[in-house]
PDB file of N, CA and C in Angstrom:
ATOM      1  N   GLY A   1       0.749  -1.159   0.085  1.00  0.00           N
ATOM      2  CA  GLY A   1      -0.042  -0.071  -0.038  1.00  0.00           C
ATOM      3  C   GLY A   1       0.867   1.176  -0.046  1.00  0.00           C
ATOM      4  N   SER A   2       0.340   2.133  -0.528  1.00  0.00           N
ATOM      5  CA  SER A   2       1.048   3.551  -0.735  1.00  0.00           C
ATOM      6  C   SER A   2       0.396   4.580  -0.098  1.00  0.00           C
ATOM      7  N   CYS A   3       1.220   5.399   0.810  1.00  0.00           N
ATOM      8  CA  CYS A   3       0.501   6.584   1.422  1.00  0.00           C
ATOM      9  C   CYS A   3       0.807   8.000   0.667  1.00  0.00           C
ATOM     10  N   TRP A   4       1.487   7.788  -0.546  1.00  0.00           N
ATOM     11  CA  TRP A   4       1.756   9.077  -1.290  1.00  0.00           C
ATOM     12  C   TRP A   4       0.297   9.769  -1.570  1.00  0.00           C
ATOM     13  N   GLN A   5       0.375  11.088  -1.239  1.00  0.00           N
ATOM     14  CA  GLN A   5      -0.814  12.028  -1.404  1.00  0.00           C
ATOM     15  C   GLN A   5      -1.964  11.689  -0.424  1.00  0.00           C
ATOM     16  N   ARG A   6      -1.696  10.784   0.722  1.00  0.00           N
ATOM     17  CA  ARG A   6      -2.763  10.344   1.441  1.00  0.00           C
ATOM     18  C   ARG A   6      -2.366  10.330   3.021  1.00  0.00           C
ATOM     19  N   CYS A   7      -1.735  11.311   3.436  1.00  0.00           N
ATOM     20  CA  CYS A   7      -1.152  11.265   4.664  1.00  0.00           C
ATOM     21  C   CYS A   7      -2.317  12.276   5.652  1.00  0.00           C
ATOM     22  N   CYS A   8      -2.435  11.822   6.694  1.00  0.00           N
ATOM     23  CA  CYS A   8      -3.545  12.417   7.526  1.00  0.00           C
ATOM     24  C   CYS A   8      -3.068  12.501   8.995  1.00  0.00           C
ATOM     25  N   PRO A   9      -3.459  13.681   9.595  1.00  0.00           N
ATOM     26  CA  PRO A   9      -3.058  13.864  10.918  1.00  0.00           C
ATOM     27  C   PRO A   9      -3.844  13.379  11.899  1.00  0.00           C
ATOM     28  N   GLY A  10      -3.395  12.828  13.204  1.00  0.00           N
ATOM     29  CA  GLY A  10      -4.372  12.316  14.185  1.00  0.00           C
ATOM     30  C   GLY A  10      -4.656  10.863  13.885  1.00  0.00           C
ATOM     31  N   ARG A  11      -5.898  10.488  14.405  1.00  0.00           N
ATOM     32  CA  ARG A  11      -6.364   9.138  14.183  1.00  0.00           C
ATOM     33  C   ARG A  11      -7.583   9.460  13.120  1.00  0.00           C
ATOM     34  N   ASN A  12      -7.300   8.633  11.961  1.00  0.00           N
ATOM     35  CA  ASN A  12      -8.377   8.840  10.985  1.00  0.00           C
ATOM     36  C   ASN A  12      -8.521   7.543  10.367  1.00  0.00           C
ATOM     37  N   ASN A  13      -9.457   6.883  10.544  1.00  0.00           N
ATOM     38  CA  ASN A  13      -9.880   5.421  10.128  1.00  0.00           C
ATOM     39  C   ASN A  13     -10.194   5.440   8.526  1.00  0.00           C
ATOM     40  N   ALA A  14     -10.562   6.500   8.039  1.00  0.00           N
ATOM     41  CA  ALA A  14     -10.574   6.660   6.467  1.00  0.00           C
ATOM     42  C   ALA A  14      -9.247   6.836   5.703  1.00  0.00           C
ATOM     43  N   CYS A  15      -8.246   7.069   6.334  1.00  0.00           N
ATOM     44  CA  CYS A  15      -6.891   7.261   5.829  1.00  0.00           C
ATOM     45  C   CYS A  15      -6.170   6.012   5.701  1.00  0.00           C
ATOM     46  N   TRP A  16      -6.531   5.053   4.795  1.00  0.00           N
ATOM     47  CA  TRP A  16      -5.835   3.834   4.516  1.00  0.00           C
ATOM     48  C   TRP A  16      -5.473   3.672   3.032  1.00  0.00           C
ATOM     49  N   ALA A  17      -4.769   2.539   2.940  1.00  0.00           N
ATOM     50  CA  ALA A  17      -4.427   1.981   1.464  1.00  0.00           C
ATOM     51  C   ALA A  17      -4.535   0.451   1.675  1.00  0.00           C
ATOM     52  N   THR A  18      -4.458  -0.162   0.518  1.00  0.00           N
ATOM     53  CA  THR A  18      -4.446  -1.490   0.599  1.00  0.00           C
ATOM     54  C   THR A  18      -2.992  -1.954   0.619  1.00  0.00           C
ATOM     55  N   GLY A  19      -2.639  -2.893   1.598  1.00  0.00           N
ATOM     56  CA  GLY A  19      -1.253  -3.373   1.830  1.00  0.00           C
ATOM     57  C   GLY A  19      -1.025  -4.763   1.194  1.00  0.00           C
ATOM     58  N   ALA A  20      -0.064  -5.404   1.784  1.00  0.00           N
ATOM     59  CA  ALA A  20       0.018  -6.699   1.206  1.00  0.00           C
ATOM     60  C   ALA A  20      -1.132  -7.636   1.489  1.00  0.00           C
ATOM     61  N   HIS A  21      -1.245  -8.529   0.662  1.00  0.00           N
ATOM     62  CA  HIS A  21      -2.312  -9.651   0.968  1.00  0.00           C
ATOM     63  C   HIS A  21      -3.765  -8.925   0.973  1.00  0.00           C
ATOM     64  N   GLN A  22      -3.829  -7.741   0.357  1.00  0.00           N
ATOM     65  CA  GLN A  22      -5.221  -7.096   0.406  1.00  0.00           C
ATOM     66  C   GLN A  22      -5.556  -6.629   1.826  1.00  0.00           C
ATOM     67  N   ALA A  23      -4.912  -6.528   2.646  1.00  0.00           N
ATOM     68  CA  ALA A  23      -5.032  -5.848   4.022  1.00  0.00           C
ATOM     69  C   ALA A  23      -4.867  -4.511   4.012  1.00  0.00           C
ATOM     70  N   ARG A  24      -5.637  -3.812   5.018  1.00  0.00           N
ATOM     71  CA  ARG A  24      -5.383  -2.294   4.987  1.00  0.00           C
ATOM     72  C   ARG A  24      -4.310  -2.104   5.750  1.00  0.00           C
ATOM     73  N   CYS A  25      -3.487  -0.995   5.397  1.00  0.00           N
ATOM     74  CA  CYS A  25      -2.611  -0.381   6.297  1.00  0.00           C
ATOM     75  C   CYS A  25      -2.813   1.051   6.184  1.00  0.00           C
ATOM     76  N   TYR A  26      -2.681   1.850   7.110  1.00  0.00           N
ATOM     77  CA  TYR A  26      -2.850   3.092   7.294  1.00  0.00           C
ATOM     78  C   TYR A  26      -1.774   4.168   7.279  1.00  0.00           C
ATOM     79  N   CYS A  27      -2.339   5.429   7.021  1.00  0.00           N
ATOM     80  CA  CYS A  27      -1.395   6.647   6.557  1.00  0.00           C
ATOM     81  C   CYS A  27      -1.740   7.858   7.561  1.00  0.00           C
ATOM     82  N   ASP A  28      -2.360   7.533   8.642  1.00  0.00           N
ATOM     83  CA  ASP A  28      -2.624   8.583   9.641  1.00  0.00           C
ATOM     84  C   ASP A  28      -1.454   8.475  10.806  1.00  0.00           C
ATOM     85  N   SER A  29      -1.248   9.567  11.392  1.00  0.00           N
ATOM     86  CA  SER A  29      -0.220   9.563  12.411  1.00  0.00           C
ATOM     87  C   SER A  29      -0.326   8.734  13.453  1.00  0.00           C
ATOM     88  N   TYR A  30      -1.620   8.243  13.807  1.00  0.00           N
ATOM     89  CA  TYR A  30      -1.832   7.284  14.913  1.00  0.00           C
ATOM     90  C   TYR A  30      -1.435   5.929  14.541  1.00  0.00           C
ATOM     91  N   CYS A  31      -1.186   5.606  13.327  1.00  0.00           N
ATOM     92  CA  CYS A  31      -0.692   4.360  12.865  1.00  0.00           C
ATOM     93  C   CYS A  31       0.575   4.047  13.644  1.00  0.00           C
ATOM     94  N   GLU A  32       1.373   4.870  13.842  1.00  0.00           N
ATOM     95  CA  GLU A  32       2.594   4.664  14.658  1.00  0.00           C
ATOM     96  C   GLU A  32       2.470   3.859  16.069  1.00  0.00           C
ATOM     97  N   ARG A  33       1.394   4.463  16.628  1.00  0.00           N
ATOM     98  CA  ARG A  33       0.975   3.955  17.981  1.00  0.00           C
ATOM     99  C   ARG A  33       0.367   2.466  17.924  1.00  0.00           C
ATOM    100  N   THR A  34      -0.346   2.152  16.708  1.00  0.00           N
ATOM    101  CA  THR A  34      -0.986   0.835  16.596  1.00  0.00           C
ATOM    102  C   THR A  34      -0.322  -0.163  15.754  1.00  0.00           C
ATOM    103  N   GLY A  35       0.807   0.410  15.097  1.00  0.00           N
ATOM    104  CA  GLY A  35       1.902  -0.481  14.462  1.00  0.00           C
ATOM    105  C   GLY A  35       1.267  -0.930  13.115  1.00  0.00           C
ATOM    106  N   ASP A  36       0.398  -0.354  12.473  1.00  0.00           N
ATOM    107  CA  ASP A  36      -0.504  -0.792  11.332  1.00  0.00           C
ATOM    108  C   ASP A  36      -0.062   0.114  10.078  1.00  0.00           C
ATOM    109  N   CYS A  37       0.996   0.844  10.125  1.00  0.00           N
ATOM    110  CA  CYS A  37       1.457   1.942   9.019  1.00  0.00           C
ATOM    111  C   CYS A  37       1.675   1.081   7.696  1.00  0.00           C
ATOM    112  N   CYS A  38       1.328   1.648   6.791  1.00  0.00           N
ATOM    113  CA  CYS A  38       1.842   1.330   5.329  1.00  0.00           C
ATOM    114  C   CYS A  38       3.354   1.522   5.225  1.00  0.00           C
ATOM    115  N   LYS A  39       3.960   0.621   4.526  1.00  0.00           N
ATOM    116  CA  LYS A  39       5.396   0.505   4.379  1.00  0.00           C
ATOM    117  C   LYS A  39       6.132   1.674   4.135  1.00  0.00           C
ATOM    118  N   ASP A  40       5.334   2.663   3.275  1.00  0.00           N
ATOM    119  CA  ASP A  40       6.028   3.841   3.017  1.00  0.00           C
ATOM    120  C   ASP A  40       5.704   5.066   3.828  1.00  0.00           C
ATOM    121  N   TYR A  41       4.884   4.719   4.808  1.00  0.00           N
ATOM    122  CA  TYR A  41       4.437   5.768   5.786  1.00  0.00           C
ATOM    123  C   TYR A  41       5.528   6.974   6.125  1.00  0.00           C
ATOM    124  N   HIS A  42       6.599   6.231   6.420  1.00  0.00           N
ATOM    125  CA  HIS A  42       7.581   7.388   7.138  1.00  0.00           C
ATOM    126  C   HIS A  42       8.204   8.110   5.883  1.00  0.00           C
ATOM    127  N   ALA A  43       8.416   7.569   4.736  1.00  0.00           N
ATOM    128  CA  ALA A  43       8.908   8.491   3.504  1.00  0.00           C
ATOM    129  C   ALA A  43       7.868   9.294   3.032  1.00  0.00           C
ATOM    130  N   ALA A  44       6.724   9.079   3.151  1.00  0.00           N
ATOM    131  CA  ALA A  44       5.525   9.714   2.466  1.00  0.00           C
ATOM    132  C   ALA A  44       5.060  10.766   3.332  1.00  0.00           C
ATOM    133  N   CYS A  45       5.106  10.431   4.680  1.00  0.00           N
ATOM    134  CA  CYS A  45       4.130  11.276   5.608  1.00  0.00           C
ATOM    135  C   CYS A  45       4.997  12.038   6.744  1.00  0.00           C
ATOM    136  N   ARG A  46       6.160  11.522   7.229  1.00  0.00           N
ATOM    137  CA  ARG A  46       6.764  11.989   8.263  1.00  0.00           C
ATOM    138  C   ARG A  46       7.836  13.218   7.842  1.00  0.00           C
ATOM    139  N   ARG A  47       7.772  13.493   6.512  1.00  0.00           N
ATOM    140  CA  ARG A  47       8.733  14.742   6.044  1.00  0.00           C
ATOM    141  C   ARG A  47       8.328  16.004   6.582  1.00  0.00           C
ATOM    142  N   ASP A  48       7.042  16.164   6.820  1.00  0.00           N
ATOM    143  CA  ASP A  48       6.747  17.422   7.447  1.00  0.00           C
ATOM    144  C   ASP A  48       6.547  17.475   8.767  1.00  0.00           C
ATOM    145  N   VAL A  49       7.073  16.532   9.681  1.00  0.00           N
ATOM    146  CA  VAL A  49       6.749  16.600  10.985  1.00  0.00           C
ATOM    147  C   VAL A  49       7.155  17.752  11.721  1.00  0.00           C
ATOM    148  N   MET A  50       6.355  18.390  12.526  1.00  0.00           N
ATOM    149  CA  MET A  50       6.453  19.672  13.223  1.00  0.00           C
ATOM    150  C   MET A  50       5.847  19.391  14.670  1.00  0.00           C
ATOM    151  N   GLY A  51       6.955  19.620  15.580  1.00  0.00           N
ATOM    152  CA  GLY A  51       6.499  19.544  17.073  1.00  0.00           C
ATOM    153  C   GLY A  51       5.795  20.861  17.256  1.00  0.00           C
ATOM    154  N   CYS A  52       4.983  20.826  18.441  1.00  0.00           N
ATOM    155  CA  CYS A  52       4.239  21.961  18.877  1.00  0.00           C
ATOM    156  C   CYS A  52       5.429  23.139  19.320  1.00  0.00           C
ATOM    157  N   VAL A  53       4.963  24.481  18.952  1.00  0.00           N
ATOM    158  CA  VAL A  53       5.949  25.483  19.344  1.00  0.00           C
ATOM    159  C   VAL A  53       4.899  26.424  20.195  1.00  0.00           C
ATOM    160  N   VAL A  54       5.646  26.871  21.423  1.00  0.00           N
ATOM    161  CA  VAL A  54       4.697  27.803  22.201  1.00  0.00           C
ATOM    162  C   VAL A  54       5.368  28.908  22.370  1.00  0.00           C
ATOM    163  N   GLY A  55       4.679  30.185  22.686  1.00  0.00           N
ATOM    164  CA  GLY A  55       5.228  31.407  23.020  1.00  0.00           C
ATOM    165  C   GLY A  55       5.766  31.486  24.346  1.00  0.00           C
ATOM    166  N   PRO A  56       6.209  32.616  24.927  1.00  0.00           N
ATOM    167  CA  PRO A  56       6.881  32.679  26.008  1.00  0.00           C
ATOM    168  C   PRO A  56       5.662  32.879  27.186  1.00  0.00           C
ATOM    169  N   TRP A  57       5.964  32.522  28.555  1.00  0.00           N
ATOM    170  CA  TRP A  57       4.862  32.838  29.465  1.00  0.00           C
ATOM    171  C   TRP A  57       4.542  34.160  29.652  1.00  0.00           C
ATOM    172  N   GLY A  58       3.483  34.493  29.925  1.00  0.00           N
ATOM    173  CA  GLY A  58       2.917  35.832  30.160  1.00  0.00           C
ATOM    174  C   GLY A  58       3.319  36.083  31.621  1.00  0.00           C
ATOM    175  N   PRO A  59       2.676  37.204  32.115  1.00  0.00           N
ATOM    176  CA  PRO A  59       3.136  37.611  33.533  1.00  0.00           C
ATOM    177  C   PRO A  59       2.051  36.935  34.518  1.00  0.00           C
ATOM    178  N   TRP A  60       2.449  36.672  35.725  1.00  0.00           N
ATOM    179  CA  TRP A  60       1.686  36.006  36.805  1.00  0.00           C
ATOM    180  C   TRP A  60       0.588  37.172  37.114  1.00  0.00           C
ATOM    181  N   SER A  61      -0.577  36.429  37.374  1.00  0.00           N
ATOM    182  CA  SER A  61      -1.675  37.191  37.841  1.00  0.00           C
ATOM    183  C   SER A  61      -1.403  37.843  39.137  1.00  0.00           C
ATOM    184  N   GLY A  62      -2.242  38.590  39.574  1.00  0.00           N
ATOM    185  CA  GLY A  62      -2.240  39.055  40.970  1.00  0.00           C
ATOM    186  C   GLY A  62      -2.804  37.822  41.800  1.00  0.00           C
ATOM    187  N   CYS A  63      -2.426  37.903  43.159  1.00  0.00           N
ATOM    188  CA  CYS A  63      -2.927  37.031  44.041  1.00  0.00           C
ATOM    189  C   CYS A  63      -4.435  36.844  44.244  1.00  0.00           C
ATOM    190  N   SER A  64      -5.063  35.914  44.230  1.00  0.00           N
ATOM    191  CA  SER A  64      -6.658  35.787  44.218  1.00  0.00           C
ATOM    192  C   SER A  64      -7.184  36.268  45.464  1.00  0.00           C
ATOM    193  N   SER A  65      -6.277  36.301  46.522  1.00  0.00           N
ATOM    194  CA  SER A  65      -6.792  36.758  47.722  1.00  0.00           C
ATOM    195  C   SER A  65      -6.054  37.871  48.400  1.00  0.00           C
ATOM    196  N   LEU A  66      -6.787  38.852  48.771  1.00  0.00           N
ATOM    197  CA  LEU A  66      -6.145  40.137  49.355  1.00  0.00           C
ATOM    198  C   LEU A  66      -5.334  39.844  50.649  1.00  0.00           C
ATOM    199  N   CYS A  67      -5.860  38.881  51.412  1.00  0.00           N
ATOM    200  CA  CYS A  67      -5.461  38.495  52.840  1.00  0.00           C
ATOM    201  C   CYS A  67      -5.348  37.189  52.834  1.00  0.00           C
ATOM    202  N   GLY A  68      -4.085  36.532  53.116  1.00  0.00           N
ATOM    203  CA  GLY A  68      -3.956  35.133  53.345  1.00  0.00           C
ATOM    204  C   GLY A  68      -3.693  34.310  52.037  1.00  0.00           C
ATOM    205  N   VAL A  69      -3.884  33.029  52.154  1.00  0.00           N
ATOM    206  CA  VAL A  69      -3.429  32.147  51.235  1.00  0.00           C
ATOM    207  C   VAL A  69      -4.437  32.208  49.865  1.00  0.00           C
ATOM    208  N   GLY A  70      -3.944  32.234  48.695  1.00  0.00           N
ATOM    209  CA  GLY A  70      -4.646  32.316  47.444  1.00  0.00           C
ATOM    210  C   GLY A  70      -3.717  31.625  46.404  1.00  0.00           C
ATOM    211  N   SER A  71      -4.051  32.100  45.109  1.00  0.00           N
ATOM    212  CA  SER A  71      -3.249  31.575  43.951  1.00  0.00           C
ATOM    213  C   SER A  71      -3.040  32.573  42.835  1.00  0.00           C
ATOM    214  N   GLU A  72      -2.099  32.452  42.090  1.00  0.00           N
ATOM    215  CA  GLU A  72      -1.832  33.157  41.000  1.00  0.00           C
ATOM    216  C   GLU A  72      -1.599  32.337  39.521  1.00  0.00           C
ATOM    217  N   ALA A  73      -1.831  32.815  38.590  1.00  0.00           N
ATOM    218  CA  ALA A  73      -1.709  32.020  37.332  1.00  0.00           C
ATOM    219  C   ALA A  73      -0.996  32.658  36.237  1.00  0.00           C
ATOM    220  N   ARG A  74      -0.448  31.941  35.302  1.00  0.00           N
ATOM    221  CA  ARG A  74      -0.113  32.614  34.175  1.00  0.00           C
ATOM    222  C   ARG A  74      -0.287  31.692  33.020  1.00  0.00           C
ATOM    223  N   SER A  75      -0.185  32.128  31.727  1.00  0.00           N
ATOM    224  CA  SER A  75      -0.409  31.212  30.592  1.00  0.00           C
ATOM    225  C   SER A  75       0.417  31.585  29.478  1.00  0.00           C
ATOM    226  N   ARG A  76       0.450  30.897  28.317  1.00  0.00           N
ATOM    227  CA  ARG A  76       1.236  31.123  27.116  1.00  0.00           C
ATOM    228  C   ARG A  76       0.405  30.521  25.973  1.00  0.00           C
ATOM    229  N   GLN A  77       0.634  31.040  24.795  1.00  0.00           N
ATOM    230  CA  GLN A  77      -0.291  30.522  23.583  1.00  0.00           C
ATOM    231  C   GLN A  77       0.642  29.502  22.880  1.00  0.00           C
ATOM    232  N   VAL A  78      -0.198  28.736  22.082  1.00  0.00           N
ATOM    233  CA  VAL A  78       0.472  28.104  20.920  1.00  0.00           C
ATOM    234  C   VAL A  78       0.802  28.850  19.804  1.00  0.00           C
ATOM    235  N   THR A  79       2.177  28.883  19.328  1.00  0.00           N
ATOM    236  CA  THR A  79       2.568  29.367  18.255  1.00  0.00           C
ATOM    237  C   THR A  79       2.222  28.803  16.812  1.00  0.00           C
ATOM    238  N   ILE A  80       2.800  27.462  16.959  1.00  0.00           N
ATOM    239  CA  ILE A  80       2.468  26.573  15.796  1.00  0.00           C
ATOM    240  C   ILE A  80       2.025  25.166  16.344  1.00  0.00           C
ATOM    241  N   PRO A  81       0.845  24.765  15.971  1.00  0.00           N
ATOM    242  CA  PRO A  81       0.255  23.504  16.449  1.00  0.00           C
ATOM    243  C   PRO A  81       1.222  22.390  15.806  1.00  0.00           C
ATOM    244  N   PRO A  82       1.196  21.302  16.462  1.00  0.00           N
ATOM    245  CA  PRO A  82       1.987  20.004  15.849  1.00  0.00           C
ATOM    246  C   PRO A  82       1.390  19.607  14.631  1.00  0.00           C
ATOM    247  N   ARG A  83       2.199  19.013  13.952  1.00  0.00           N
ATOM    248  CA  ARG A  83       1.550  18.504  12.578  1.00  0.00           C
ATOM    249  C   ARG A  83       2.341  17.133  12.394  1.00  0.00           C
ATOM    250  N   HIS A  84       1.429  16.380  11.891  1.00  0.00           N
ATOM    251  CA  HIS A  84       2.059  14.997  11.240  1.00  0.00           C
ATOM    252  C   HIS A  84       2.595  14.251  12.415  1.00  0.00           C
ATOM    253  N   GLY A  85       2.001  14.169  13.458  1.00  0.00           N
ATOM    254  CA  GLY A  85       2.503  13.305  14.500  1.00  0.00           C
ATOM    255  C   GLY A  85       3.676  13.916  15.384  1.00  0.00           C
ATOM    256  N   GLY A  86       3.983  15.214  15.246  1.00  0.00           N
ATOM    257  CA  GLY A  86       4.933  15.957  15.956  1.00  0.00           C
ATOM    258  C   GLY A  86       4.779  15.985  17.598  1.00  0.00           C
ATOM    259  N   GLU A  87       5.501  16.411  18.216  1.00  0.00           N
ATOM    260  CA  GLU A  87       5.608  16.348  19.599  1.00  0.00           C
ATOM    261  C   GLU A  87       4.363  17.361  20.023  1.00  0.00           C
ATOM    262  N   PRO A  88       3.465  16.683  20.893  1.00  0.00           N
ATOM    263  CA  PRO A  88       2.093  17.589  21.502  1.00  0.00           C
ATOM    264  C   PRO A  88       2.760  18.720  22.120  1.00  0.00           C
ATOM    265  N   CYS A  89       1.680  19.660  22.429  1.00  0.00           N
ATOM    266  CA  CYS A  89       1.974  20.862  23.051  1.00  0.00           C
ATOM    267  C   CYS A  89       2.073  20.517  24.635  1.00  0.00           C
ATOM    268  N   PRO A  90       3.087  21.430  25.253  1.00  0.00           N
ATOM    269  CA  PRO A  90       3.175  21.197  26.806  1.00  0.00           C
ATOM    270  C   PRO A  90       1.973  21.895  27.308  1.00  0.00           C
ATOM    271  N   ASP A  91       2.044  22.071  28.662  1.00  0.00           N
ATOM    272  CA  ASP A  91       0.998  22.603  29.374  1.00  0.00           C
ATOM    273  C   ASP A  91       1.110  24.338  29.046  1.00  0.00           C
ATOM    274  N   LEU A  92      -0.082  24.798  28.878  1.00  0.00           N
ATOM    275  CA  LEU A  92      -0.427  26.325  28.572  1.00  0.00           C
ATOM    276  C   LEU A  92      -0.571  27.129  29.716  1.00  0.00           C
ATOM    277  N   LYS A  93      -0.693  26.495  30.962  1.00  0.00           N
ATOM    278  CA  LYS A  93      -1.212  27.302  32.190  1.00  0.00           C
ATOM    279  C   LYS A  93      -0.456  26.693  33.321  1.00  0.00           C
ATOM    280  N   GLN A  94      -0.270  27.632  34.065  1.00  0.00           N
ATOM    281  CA  GLN A  94       0.420  27.210  35.481  1.00  0.00           C
ATOM    282  C   GLN A  94      -0.229  28.049  36.486  1.00  0.00           C
ATOM    283  N   ARG A  95      -0.152  27.403  37.763  1.00  0.00           N
ATOM    284  CA  ARG A  95      -0.787  28.041  38.793  1.00  0.00           C
ATOM    285  C   ARG A  95       0.186  27.849  39.914  1.00  0.00           C
ATOM    286  N   ARG A  96       0.350  28.696  40.872  1.00  0.00           N
ATOM    287  CA  ARG A  96       1.207  28.708  42.002  1.00  0.00           C
ATOM    288  C   ARG A  96       0.590  29.204  43.246  1.00  0.00           C
ATOM    289  N   GLY A  97       0.936  28.948  44.473  1.00  0.00           N
ATOM    290  CA  GLY A  97       0.397  29.688  45.634  1.00  0.00           C
ATOM    291  C   GLY A  97       0.706  30.862  45.924  1.00  0.00           C
ATOM    292  N   CYS A  98       0.207  31.722  46.646  1.00  0.00           N
ATOM    293  CA  CYS A  98       0.634  33.179  47.013  1.00  0.00           C
ATOM    294  C   CYS A  98      -0.060  33.498  48.258  1.00  0.00           C
ATOM    295  N   LEU A  99       0.507  34.506  48.902  1.00  0.00           N
ATOM    296  CA  LEU A  99       0.198  35.031  50.196  1.00  0.00           C
ATOM    297  C   LEU A  99      -0.385  36.399  50.142  1.00  0.00           C
ATOM    298  N   GLY A 100      -1.498  36.727  50.009  1.00  0.00           N
ATOM    299  CA  GLY A 100      -2.033  38.020  49.959  1.00  0.00           C
ATOM    300  C   GLY A 100      -1.688  38.899  51.174  1.00  0.00           C
ATOM    301  N   GLU A 101      -1.083  40.148  50.961  1.00  0.00           N
ATOM    302  CA  GLU A 101      -0.663  40.882  51.978  1.00  0.00           C
ATOM    303  C   GLU A 101      -0.930  42.334  51.856  1.00  0.00           C
ATOM    304  N   HIS A 102      -2.344  42.533  51.543  1.00  0.00           N
ATOM    305  CA  HIS A 102      -2.845  43.882  51.278  1.00  0.00           C
ATOM    306  C   HIS A 102      -2.562  44.756  52.525  1.00  0.00           C
ATOM    307  N   PRO A 103      -2.472  46.093  52.435  1.00  0.00           N
ATOM    308  CA  PRO A 103      -2.253  46.801  53.610  1.00  0.00           C
ATOM    309  C   PRO A 103      -3.190  46.807  54.629  1.00  0.00           C
ATOM    310  N   THR A 104      -4.488  46.468  54.054  1.00  0.00           N
ATOM    311  CA  THR A 104      -5.656  46.411  55.265  1.00  0.00           C
ATOM    312  C   THR A 104      -5.479  45.088  55.995  1.00  0.00           C
ATOM    313  N   CYS A 105      -4.999  44.173  55.550  1.00  0.00           N
ATOM    314  CA  CYS A 105      -4.847  42.804  56.364  1.00  0.00           C
ATOM    315  C   CYS A 105      -4.541  42.945  57.778  1.00  0.00           C
ATOM    316  N   GLY A 106      -5.369  42.304  58.635  1.00  0.00           N
ATOM    317  CA  GLY A 106      -4.854  42.148  60.108  1.00  0.00           C
ATOM    318  C   GLY A 106      -5.423  43.477  60.869  1.00  0.00           C
ATOM    319  N   ARG A 107      -5.978  44.297  60.260  1.00  0.00           N
ATOM    320  CA  ARG A 107      -6.340  45.664  61.067  1.00  0.00           C
ATOM    321  C   ARG A 107      -7.784  45.339  61.803  1.00  0.00           C
ATOM    322  N   ASP A 108      -7.759  45.807  62.962  1.00  0.00           N
ATOM    323  CA  ASP A 108      -9.207  45.580  63.629  1.00  0.00           C
ATOM    324  C   ASP A 108     -10.295  46.354  62.778  1.00  0.00           C
ATOM    325  N   LYS A 109     -11.493  45.719  63.121  1.00  0.00           N
ATOM    326  CA  LYS A 109     -12.653  46.265  62.414  1.00  0.00           C
ATOM    327  C   LYS A 109     -13.315  47.192  63.187  1.00  0.00           C
TER     328      LYS A 109
END
């Protein structure tokens, strides 16, 4: 079976060719996990493999609590999504603990 002109990203059961002994072989990037790729899959489909590219982390948000324990978060964006079975994207959000210390904390009411 030949994957030329038939490469598909992800899992796609409609992306196949007829292989040896009339059995189906696949041309989607998931075939690497299942082991049923066509013989020319790597030559035909893996030439444009691109792993995920992400931008820089944004700034941390302010603490969610003015007084006491809270959390802050930051995020980043996907610059280039993965293609043809490339590395998936890493985490796009992070969260960490913080201690709110607003000037009004601890004052008597």
